[in-house]
Protein backbone atom coordinates (compact mmCIF):
# COMPACT_ATOMS: atom_id res chain seq x y z
CA MET A 1 100.53 88.18 88.54
CA ALA A 2 101.01 90.60 91.29
CA GLU A 3 99.25 93.29 88.84
CA ARG A 4 96.21 90.89 89.07
CA ARG A 5 96.24 90.46 92.75
CA ALA A 6 96.26 94.33 92.85
CA LEU A 7 93.16 94.75 91.80
CA ASP A 8 91.59 92.69 94.20
CA LEU A 9 92.51 95.28 96.67
CA ASP A 10 89.90 98.13 98.16
CA ALA A 11 90.41 101.42 98.38
CA LEU A 12 91.38 101.43 102.19
CA ALA A 13 94.17 98.77 101.73
CA VAL A 14 95.32 100.44 98.57
CA SER A 15 95.05 104.05 100.80
CA ASP A 16 97.54 102.10 103.76
CA ARG A 17 100.05 100.42 101.37
CA PHE A 18 100.18 104.17 99.49
CA GLN A 19 101.40 105.15 103.23
CA LEU A 20 104.62 102.63 102.66
CA PHE A 21 106.04 105.66 100.18
CA ASN A 22 105.86 108.30 102.39
CA PHE A 23 109.19 108.64 103.15
CA THR A 24 109.87 109.17 98.85
CA ARG A 25 107.50 112.59 99.77
CA ARG A 26 109.67 113.99 102.43
CA ASP A 27 112.26 117.01 102.29
CA ASP A 28 115.32 114.82 103.29
CA HIS A 29 113.81 111.53 101.14
CA ILE A 30 117.73 110.93 100.24
CA THR A 31 118.16 110.39 103.85
CA TYR A 32 115.54 107.98 104.36
CA LEU A 33 116.51 106.20 101.46
CA TRP A 34 120.04 105.67 102.94
CA ILE A 35 118.77 104.50 106.04
CA LEU A 36 116.62 101.54 104.49
CA ARG A 37 119.78 101.00 102.88
CA ALA A 38 122.08 100.52 105.78
CA LEU A 39 118.54 98.36 107.27
CA ASP A 40 118.63 96.27 104.20
CA ARG A 41 122.75 95.95 104.71
CA LEU A 42 122.51 94.90 107.90
CA ARG A 43 120.01 92.05 106.57
CA GLU A 44 121.83 90.79 104.86
CA VAL A 45 124.46 89.92 107.20
CA HIS A 46 121.37 88.31 109.10
CA GLN A 47 120.91 91.21 111.82
CA VAL A 48 117.20 91.00 111.82
CA GLN A 49 116.84 93.59 114.36
CA ALA A 50 119.12 96.69 115.10
CA GLY A 51 119.31 99.66 116.95
CA ALA A 52 119.80 103.68 115.89
CA GLU A 53 123.28 102.73 117.12
CA ASP A 54 123.58 99.54 114.27
CA VAL A 55 122.17 101.75 111.51
CA ALA A 56 124.40 104.61 112.53
CA THR A 57 127.58 102.53 112.28
CA ALA A 58 125.73 100.88 108.75
CA LEU A 59 125.72 104.12 107.41
CA ARG A 60 129.07 105.16 108.29
CA GLU A 61 130.35 102.01 106.53
CA LEU A 62 128.15 102.89 103.53
CA ALA A 63 129.76 106.54 103.24
CA ALA A 64 133.12 105.28 102.95
CA SER A 65 132.49 103.28 99.77
CA HIS A 66 129.77 105.90 98.65
CA PRO A 67 130.75 109.32 99.18
CA GLY A 68 127.09 110.48 98.30
CA ALA A 69 125.84 108.88 101.81
CA PRO A 70 124.46 110.78 104.44
CA VAL A 71 125.47 110.29 107.93
CA PRO A 72 122.89 112.74 110.39
CA GLU A 73 124.53 113.82 113.48
CA HIS A 74 121.10 113.71 115.47
CA GLY A 75 117.35 112.90 114.69
CA LEU A 76 118.14 109.41 113.36
CA ARG A 77 115.79 107.91 116.19
CA HIS A 78 113.24 110.02 114.90
CA ARG A 79 113.11 109.38 111.19
CA LEU A 80 113.43 105.67 111.90
CA ASP A 81 110.35 106.16 113.99
CA GLU A 82 108.35 108.14 111.40
CA LEU A 83 109.43 105.13 109.44
CA SER A 84 107.67 102.70 111.94
CA ALA A 85 105.13 105.27 111.97
CA ASP A 86 104.13 104.65 107.86
CA GLY A 87 104.63 101.10 108.66
CA VAL A 88 108.18 100.60 106.66
CA VAL A 89 109.55 99.29 109.67
CA HIS A 90 108.55 97.55 113.14
CA ARG A 91 109.94 98.87 116.31
CA PHE A 92 109.99 96.65 119.55
CA ASP A 93 111.77 98.15 123.09
CA ASP A 94 114.49 95.64 123.92
CA ALA A 95 115.45 96.58 127.66
CA SER A 96 118.57 93.43 127.32
CA ARG A 97 120.24 96.02 125.38
CA ALA A 98 120.61 98.90 127.90
CA GLY A 99 124.49 98.88 129.39
CA ASP A 100 123.45 100.64 132.39
CA LEU A 101 120.33 102.04 134.67
CA ALA A 102 120.18 105.37 132.82
CA SER A 103 120.12 103.41 129.17
CA TYR A 104 117.34 101.11 131.04
CA ARG A 105 115.18 103.88 132.12
CA ASN A 106 115.39 105.45 128.41
CA ARG A 107 113.90 103.66 125.56
CA GLN A 108 115.60 101.34 123.86
CA SER A 109 114.18 100.25 120.25
CA VAL A 110 115.60 98.50 117.77
CA TYR A 111 113.90 98.41 113.71
CA GLN A 112 113.16 95.52 111.79
CA PHE A 113 111.46 95.96 107.69
CA SER A 114 108.06 94.89 107.75
CA GLU A 115 106.93 92.16 105.15
CA LEU A 116 105.12 94.98 103.08
CA GLY A 117 107.67 98.10 103.82
CA TYR A 118 110.56 95.69 102.51
CA TRP A 119 108.74 95.38 99.11
CA ALA A 120 108.34 99.45 98.82
CA TYR A 121 111.86 99.42 100.01
CA GLN A 122 112.96 97.41 97.04
CA ALA A 123 110.50 98.86 94.51
CA VAL A 124 112.12 102.44 94.95
CA GLU A 125 115.56 100.78 94.61
CA ASN A 126 114.16 98.82 91.36
CA VAL A 127 112.93 102.13 89.81
CA LEU A 128 116.31 103.90 90.63
CA GLY A 129 118.00 101.05 89.55
CA ALA A 130 116.34 100.41 86.51
CA ARG A 131 118.91 101.28 82.74
CA VAL A 132 117.47 101.43 79.51
CA GLU A 133 120.86 99.67 78.52
CA ASP A 134 118.88 96.10 80.26
CA VAL A 135 116.18 95.77 77.96
CA ASN A 136 115.25 93.61 75.33
CA LEU A 137 113.02 90.84 73.91
CA SER A 138 114.59 87.54 74.39
CA ARG A 139 114.19 84.92 71.80
CA LEU A 140 116.21 82.17 73.34
CA VAL A 141 113.32 81.83 75.74
CA PHE A 142 111.09 79.77 73.44
CA SER A 143 113.65 76.78 73.55
CA ASP A 144 113.05 76.79 77.36
CA VAL A 145 109.29 76.95 77.45
CA LEU A 146 109.10 74.14 74.91
CA GLU A 147 111.48 72.17 76.85
CA ASP A 148 109.85 73.00 79.95
CA LEU A 149 105.88 71.61 78.65
CA THR A 150 107.35 68.77 76.92
CA ALA A 151 109.44 67.80 80.64
CA LEU A 152 105.74 68.63 82.66
CA ALA A 153 103.80 66.22 80.67
CA GLU A 154 106.09 63.49 80.82
CA ALA A 155 105.89 64.37 84.63
CA ASN A 156 102.29 64.43 85.20
CA ARG A 157 102.23 61.42 82.47
CA THR A 158 104.34 59.75 84.89
CA GLY A 159 103.65 60.69 88.36
CA GLN A 160 106.53 63.09 89.55
CA ALA A 161 105.19 65.42 91.62
CA GLU A 162 107.90 67.36 92.93
CA SER A 163 108.91 67.76 89.21
CA VAL A 164 105.79 68.79 88.40
CA TYR A 165 105.86 71.63 90.95
CA ARG A 166 109.49 72.21 89.87
CA ARG A 167 108.62 72.66 85.83
CA LEU A 168 105.66 74.54 86.68
CA SER A 169 107.26 77.10 88.89
CA ARG A 170 109.85 77.38 86.08
CA LEU A 171 107.21 78.39 84.17
CA ASP A 172 105.38 80.58 86.26
CA SER A 173 108.93 82.64 86.61
CA VAL A 174 109.65 82.79 82.55
CA MET A 175 106.01 84.10 81.75
CA GLU A 176 106.27 86.90 84.21
CA ASP A 177 109.88 87.67 83.18
CA MET A 178 108.68 87.62 79.53
CA GLY A 179 105.71 89.98 80.26
CA ARG A 180 107.93 92.17 82.02
CA ARG A 181 110.69 92.23 79.56
CA SER A 182 107.95 92.74 76.80
CA ALA A 183 106.67 95.87 78.75
CA GLN A 184 109.61 97.34 78.99
CA PHE A 185 111.27 96.90 75.75
CA HIS A 186 107.93 98.52 73.99
CA VAL A 187 107.77 101.32 76.58
CA THR A 188 111.21 102.06 76.26
CA LEU A 189 111.15 101.61 72.55
CA GLY A 190 108.60 104.62 72.57
CA GLU A 191 110.37 106.65 74.93
CA ILE A 192 113.51 106.14 72.20
CA LEU A 193 110.98 106.83 68.79
CA ARG A 194 109.71 110.09 70.59
CA SER A 195 113.07 111.51 71.67
CA THR A 196 115.10 110.94 69.15
CA GLU A 197 114.31 114.44 67.09
CA ALA A 198 115.97 116.39 69.13
CA SER A 199 118.70 113.67 69.28
CA PRO A 200 118.76 111.56 65.92
CA GLU A 201 122.66 110.00 66.14
CA VAL A 202 121.49 108.11 69.70
CA PHE A 203 119.27 106.79 67.22
CA LEU A 204 120.94 106.44 64.03
CA ARG A 205 123.87 104.60 66.23
CA HIS A 206 121.49 101.72 67.74
CA LYS A 207 119.14 101.01 64.40
CA ASN A 208 121.16 97.88 62.99
CA ALA A 209 120.89 96.53 66.24
CA LEU A 210 117.80 97.10 67.06
CA LEU A 211 115.92 96.15 63.67
CA VAL A 212 118.39 92.93 64.02
CA HIS A 213 117.24 92.53 67.86
CA MET A 214 113.51 92.81 66.70
CA SER A 215 113.87 90.83 62.80
CA ASP A 216 115.23 87.52 65.67
CA PHE A 217 112.62 88.11 67.90
CA MET A 218 110.22 87.33 65.61
CA ALA A 219 111.32 84.73 63.42
CA GLU A 220 112.02 82.84 67.01
CA LEU A 221 108.49 83.59 67.67
CA ASP A 222 107.15 82.74 64.55
CA ARG A 223 108.74 78.92 64.77
CA TYR A 224 108.04 78.11 68.04
CA LEU A 225 104.48 79.33 68.53
CA PRO A 226 102.55 75.95 66.65
CA ARG A 227 104.79 73.89 68.97
CA LEU A 228 104.06 75.23 72.08
CA ASP A 229 100.31 75.29 71.35
CA GLN A 230 100.45 72.10 70.70
CA ALA A 231 102.65 71.18 73.70
CA VAL A 232 100.20 73.75 76.67
CA HIS A 233 97.18 71.10 74.95
CA ASP A 234 99.87 67.80 75.56
CA VAL A 235 100.26 68.90 79.14
CA GLU A 236 96.54 69.37 79.61
CA GLY A 237 95.64 65.90 78.00
CA THR A 238 97.69 63.99 80.87
CA GLY A 239 95.27 65.19 83.35
CA LEU A 240 94.83 69.15 84.38
CA ALA A 241 93.06 68.75 87.84
CA THR A 242 96.05 66.00 88.61
CA LEU A 243 98.55 68.41 87.65
CA LEU A 244 97.35 70.91 89.46
CA SER A 245 96.73 69.17 92.48
CA ARG A 246 100.50 67.32 92.66
CA ALA A 247 101.78 70.86 92.61
CA ALA A 248 99.53 71.52 95.29
CA GLU A 249 100.72 68.96 97.52
CA ALA A 250 104.65 69.53 96.58
CA ASP A 251 104.11 73.16 96.87
CA GLU A 252 105.63 74.21 100.37
CA ARG A 253 103.72 78.03 101.14
CA LEU A 254 103.14 77.28 105.04
CA PHE A 255 100.30 79.52 104.77
CA MET A 256 98.67 78.84 102.38
CA ALA A 257 95.46 76.16 102.53
CA ARG A 258 96.00 73.40 100.32
CA GLY A 259 92.51 74.49 98.55
CA GLU A 260 94.15 78.00 98.02
CA ARG A 261 97.63 77.02 96.12
CA VAL A 262 95.78 74.72 94.02
CA GLU A 263 93.69 77.69 92.97
CA ASP A 264 96.90 80.00 92.34
CA TRP A 265 98.44 77.24 90.58
CA ARG A 266 95.23 77.06 88.34
CA ARG A 267 95.35 80.76 87.61
CA ARG A 268 98.93 80.26 87.15
CA TRP A 269 98.17 77.57 84.13
CA ARG A 270 95.96 79.87 82.82
CA ALA A 271 98.50 82.86 82.29
CA VAL A 272 100.56 80.08 80.84
CA ARG A 273 97.79 79.16 78.71
CA GLY A 274 96.84 82.84 77.61
CA TRP A 275 100.38 83.05 76.10
CA PHE A 276 100.66 80.37 73.96
CA ALA A 277 97.50 78.30 73.50
CA SER A 278 94.93 79.57 71.11
CA GLU A 279 91.19 79.16 71.48
CA GLY A 280 88.16 80.15 69.80
CA GLY A 281 90.40 82.12 67.32
CA ALA A 282 90.94 84.49 69.55
CA PRO A 283 94.81 86.11 69.22
CA THR A 284 96.90 84.92 71.99
CA ARG A 285 99.49 86.97 73.84
CA ALA A 286 102.34 85.89 72.17
CA ALA A 287 100.19 86.46 69.21
CA GLU A 288 99.57 90.46 70.60
CA LEU A 289 103.18 90.35 71.44
CA GLY A 290 104.14 89.76 68.04
CA ALA A 291 101.93 92.10 66.42
CA ALA A 292 103.07 94.74 68.69
CA THR A 293 106.68 94.08 67.60
CA ARG A 294 106.21 94.36 63.95
CA SER A 295 104.40 97.66 64.64
CA ALA A 296 107.46 98.58 66.43
CA VAL A 297 109.30 98.13 63.40
CA SER A 298 107.30 99.30 60.94
CA GLY A 299 107.68 102.87 63.37
CA VAL A 300 111.75 102.49 63.47
CA ILE A 301 111.87 102.28 60.27
CA ALA A 302 109.28 105.49 59.45
CA LEU A 303 111.81 107.78 61.31
CA LEU A 304 114.77 105.94 59.66
CA ARG A 305 113.18 107.11 56.44
CA GLN A 306 112.57 110.55 58.11
CA LEU A 307 115.97 110.74 59.41
CA THR A 308 117.42 109.98 56.31
CA GLU A 309 115.25 112.52 54.19
CA ALA A 310 115.74 115.30 56.92
CA GLN A 311 119.50 114.47 56.86
CA ARG A 312 119.45 114.51 52.73
CA GLY A 313 117.36 117.74 52.16
CA GLY A 314 119.45 119.65 55.05
CA VAL A 315 115.92 120.46 57.48
CA ASN A 316 115.73 119.03 60.80
CA ARG A 317 114.67 120.33 64.07
CA SER A 318 118.01 121.82 64.41
CA THR A 319 118.07 123.96 61.62
CA GLN A 320 114.01 124.90 62.07
CA LEU A 321 115.27 126.20 65.36
CA ARG A 322 118.03 128.00 64.16
CA HIS A 323 115.37 129.90 61.77
CA LEU A 324 113.15 130.51 64.63
CA ALA A 325 115.90 132.09 66.73
CA GLU A 326 116.71 133.99 64.05
CA TRP A 327 113.50 135.61 63.60
CA VAL A 328 112.48 136.28 66.88
CA PHE A 329 115.96 138.37 67.16
CA ASN A 330 114.67 140.32 63.89
CA THR A 331 111.44 141.37 65.42
CA PRO A 332 110.62 145.35 65.68
CA ASP A 333 109.76 144.76 69.43
CA ASP A 334 109.06 142.59 72.57
CA GLY A 335 105.39 142.47 71.69
CA ALA A 336 106.04 140.73 68.22
CA ALA A 337 108.69 138.55 69.50
CA HIS A 338 106.21 136.71 71.81
CA ALA A 339 103.92 136.51 69.56
CA LEU A 340 105.83 134.74 67.48
CA MET A 341 106.98 132.17 69.80
CA GLY A 342 103.37 132.01 70.90
CA ALA A 343 102.26 130.93 67.23
CA ALA A 344 105.20 128.83 66.82
CA PHE A 345 104.97 127.03 70.21
CA ASN A 346 100.81 127.00 70.44
CA VAL A 347 101.65 129.24 74.26
CA ARG A 348 98.55 130.70 75.23
CA SER A 349 98.81 133.32 78.27
CA ALA A 350 97.67 131.59 82.05
CA ARG A 351 94.07 132.52 82.68
CA HIS A 352 94.22 133.39 86.51
CA LEU A 353 90.42 132.54 88.25
CA GLY A 354 89.61 133.50 91.31
CA THR A 355 86.56 134.74 93.39
CA ALA A 356 85.71 135.91 97.39
CA HIS A 357 85.28 133.72 99.99
CA GLU A 358 82.18 133.34 101.61
CA ASP A 359 83.53 133.94 104.70
CA ASP A 360 86.23 136.38 104.43
CA GLU A 361 86.88 136.21 108.58
CA GLN A 362 88.30 132.61 108.58
CA ILE A 363 91.23 133.07 106.64
CA PRO A 364 93.94 135.22 107.71
CA PRO A 365 95.08 138.06 105.07
CA THR A 366 98.66 136.75 105.47
CA THR A 367 97.93 133.11 104.28
CA THR A 368 99.10 132.72 100.93
CA TRP A 369 97.59 131.21 97.84
CA TRP A 370 99.15 128.29 98.08
CA ASP A 371 97.70 127.44 101.21
CA ALA A 372 94.18 128.94 101.56
CA PRO A 373 91.23 126.57 100.72
CA GLY A 374 89.71 126.38 97.28
CA VAL A 375 86.46 127.72 96.43
CA GLU A 376 83.90 126.71 93.85
CA LEU A 377 84.35 128.08 90.35
CA SER A 378 81.36 128.17 87.65
CA VAL A 379 81.87 126.66 84.37
CA THR A 380 80.27 129.84 83.16
CA LEU A 381 83.18 131.78 84.33
CA PHE A 382 85.91 129.63 83.57
CA ARG A 383 84.47 129.41 80.14
CA SER A 384 83.80 132.47 79.09
CA ASP A 385 84.79 134.90 81.60
CA ARG A 386 81.53 136.07 82.73
CA ALA A 387 80.11 135.68 86.08
CA PRO A 388 77.37 133.20 85.96
CA SER A 389 73.71 134.89 85.91
CA THR A 390 69.59 133.03 86.48
CA GLY A 391 69.34 134.20 82.80
CA VAL A 392 66.00 135.53 81.71
CA PRO A 393 62.78 134.18 83.31
CA LYS A 394 61.25 131.09 81.22
CA PRO A 395 57.91 130.91 79.79
CA VAL A 396 54.80 130.34 81.65
CA LYS A 397 53.45 126.87 80.71
CA ARG A 398 49.97 127.03 80.23
CA ASN A 399 47.80 123.78 80.41
CA ALA A 400 44.48 124.73 79.17
CA GLY A 401 42.86 121.02 80.01
CA ALA A 402 44.41 121.06 83.25
CA ARG A 403 42.99 124.66 84.11
CA SER A 404 39.72 123.56 82.80
CA ALA A 405 39.46 120.52 84.75
CA LEU A 406 40.20 122.77 87.85
CA ARG A 407 37.97 125.19 86.88
CA ARG A 408 34.92 122.01 87.10
CA GLN A 409 36.27 121.17 90.24
CA GLN A 410 35.71 123.96 91.74
CA ALA A 411 32.68 124.77 90.27
CA GLN A 412 31.24 121.62 91.98
CA GLU A 413 32.37 121.83 95.18
CA ARG A 414 30.89 125.52 95.26
CA ALA A 415 27.49 123.88 93.75
CA ALA A 416 27.52 121.22 96.32
CA GLU A 417 28.67 124.29 98.90
CA ARG A 418 25.29 125.71 98.10
CA VAL A 419 23.34 122.71 98.24
CA ALA A 420 24.59 122.07 101.79
CA ALA A 421 24.15 125.75 103.21
CA ALA A 422 20.44 125.60 101.99
CA ARG A 423 19.74 122.56 103.75
CA LEU A 424 21.24 123.71 106.48
CA ALA A 425 19.09 127.19 106.38
CA GLU A 426 15.96 124.53 105.75
CA GLU A 427 16.39 121.80 107.96
CA GLY A 428 18.31 123.69 111.11
CA ALA A 429 21.58 122.85 112.93
CA HIS A 430 19.12 121.31 116.34
CA ASP A 431 18.22 117.50 116.85
CA ARG A 432 20.06 115.77 113.85
CA VAL A 433 23.27 115.39 113.40
CA LEU A 434 24.80 117.17 110.80
CA ASP A 435 27.33 115.68 107.88
CA GLU A 436 31.19 116.63 106.91
CA ALA A 437 29.35 119.26 104.61
CA ASP A 438 26.61 120.49 106.81
CA THR A 439 29.43 120.33 109.39
CA ARG A 440 32.24 122.78 107.15
CA ILE A 441 29.55 125.58 106.43
CA LEU A 442 28.66 125.74 109.90
CA LEU A 443 31.81 126.08 111.21
CA ARG A 444 32.32 128.79 108.43
CA LEU A 445 29.79 131.02 109.48
CA VAL A 446 30.46 130.47 113.45
CA THR A 447 33.81 131.91 112.99
CA LYS A 448 32.66 134.77 110.70
CA ALA A 449 29.85 135.28 113.86
CA LEU A 450 32.93 135.09 116.59
CA GLU A 451 34.89 137.41 114.56
CA SER A 452 32.23 140.17 114.76
CA ARG A 453 30.70 139.82 118.46
CA SER A 454 31.30 143.09 120.06
CA VAL A 455 31.52 144.23 123.78
CA VAL A 456 28.71 146.84 124.91
CA ALA A 457 28.39 148.13 128.49
CA GLY A 458 30.76 145.46 129.45
CA ARG A 459 28.00 142.36 128.36
CA MET A 460 28.86 140.55 125.19
CA GLY A 461 26.09 141.44 122.72
CA PRO A 462 24.26 139.07 119.71
CA ALA A 463 27.00 138.22 116.36
CA THR A 464 25.98 137.55 113.18
CA GLY A 465 28.08 136.04 110.45
CA ALA A 466 26.41 135.08 106.81
CA ASP A 467 27.99 133.43 103.63
CA GLY A 468 26.39 132.76 100.81
CA GLY A 469 22.73 133.23 101.49
CA THR A 470 22.83 131.49 105.06
CA ALA A 471 23.49 133.30 108.24
CA VAL A 472 24.04 132.54 111.61
CA ARG A 473 23.36 134.46 114.72
CA LEU A 474 24.76 133.65 118.02
CA VAL A 475 21.93 135.38 120.71
CA PRO A 476 23.47 135.64 124.13
CA SER A 477 21.97 132.91 126.23
CA ASP A 478 22.65 131.24 129.96
CA ARG A 479 21.77 127.62 128.31
CA GLY A 480 23.73 127.96 125.30
CA SER A 481 23.68 125.62 123.03
CA THR A 482 24.72 121.99 121.11
CA VAL A 483 25.09 120.66 118.24
CA ARG A 484 25.90 116.86 116.85
CA THR A 485 28.40 116.57 114.18
CA SER A 486 29.52 112.96 112.55
CA ARG A 487 32.59 113.48 114.09
CA GLY A 488 31.51 114.62 117.93
CA THR A 489 29.69 117.10 119.73
CA LEU A 490 29.55 121.08 119.46
CA HIS A 491 29.51 123.31 122.28
CA LEU A 492 28.68 126.81 122.25
CA PRO A 493 28.50 127.65 126.30
CA GLY A 494 26.79 131.32 126.77
CA PHE A 495 25.49 131.40 123.02
CA ARG A 496 22.24 130.17 121.06
CA LEU A 497 22.81 129.39 117.68
CA GLU A 498 20.15 130.31 115.71
CA LEU A 499 20.46 130.01 111.56
CA THR A 500 18.33 131.83 108.85
CA THR A 501 18.45 132.44 105.26
CA GLY A 502 19.32 135.75 103.61
CA LYS A 503 21.73 138.46 103.71
CA GLY A 504 22.48 137.83 107.56
CA THR A 505 20.76 140.44 108.63
């Protein structure tokens, strides 16, 4: 159930909870582990909050029975503060613990496990305390589950709310235990099948017990699975909504609303139903467990046959390694020995890649490769050991249709400009309002005329600009000239504007 709830956490919440395991990555992680064990020892005697002196005393007691337990002479308070920063423990200031004025002036802190911190500590202890010998597939649990389902249906039918709650709680615990046991067993079995090649005697010693254990489990599962399916449907026949409502009423979790408790029990019942109740032809989790166990039995038998044939023929991994060592020893030189070992174990030489940083001055030359910031490497350099290049220029794409369309558009624009220039020369620029085309031609001619003007004897002389058979001449005049356009009035102070046709002479 816990792993399903963990799927709903966002990335920030996951990062915060991973921080609880920071003490496992510190240099003196063993000392931090024993400090948490000392806090747990104090918690067992109902001393929830403890100071640094109490933790030191508990560590000395643990060291008396466990010689490997460290007792730090100094830095204990600092380590407790580090655990507090990680969120494993909470720190409180307790001035009542000061015995004198000097102690009162100093910080008197007490520490206690946080809720998530205690779960993190228990998770580490569970990993450290895991033993291969403990794994098994419990075949006796099916009779207990059938009995609980039968009693649950009867309790819901007769209205016994507390009995409904107790039976559902027991079924939830059994389902969680079954899932954990089956996962651990198949993981351990896979590890055994993978590692027995180097030590087959371990596997051969326990092969009979392993096969009998899995066979008995499969027999019990096949015998109880139809009855468990019927029992689940009988429970739902008594009223699933009433069942969940009664379980939520008897539930004593204070920090959850009634609606939340009902939804939580609905999720737990779906887990029970998924284990045993068939629906729509989909396999149940119990059936999937049976299929996985049958596959594991086949794997065990295949490995047993392989080991038996290897021992009968006298060729196994040990003899192969001895022959390989003899061949390597008899090679003529070191190069041949390395080549033989590389071919035998598929070991290739390491390929080290490196490029210069964009700004060498940012990185001191004394910085090691481990601490220096990384640089980006191209895929081409990694795969072919060649620096990336831009490659040959790509051919120019020629689009004859687009080019023809552009030529037609340009020809139309030039024809329109010639018509506008002829009209401008014929009708003149004064005593009318010029449109967009006329204004554009006039501005272009005026610009050319202004660029060609010159100063003679301290006075500005006339200037001329021509384009496409139309010419404009700017003659100095005291009155100036004004031209009206569709966008406003153009003033030319000090010049009179004259338009002519021809070459602009």
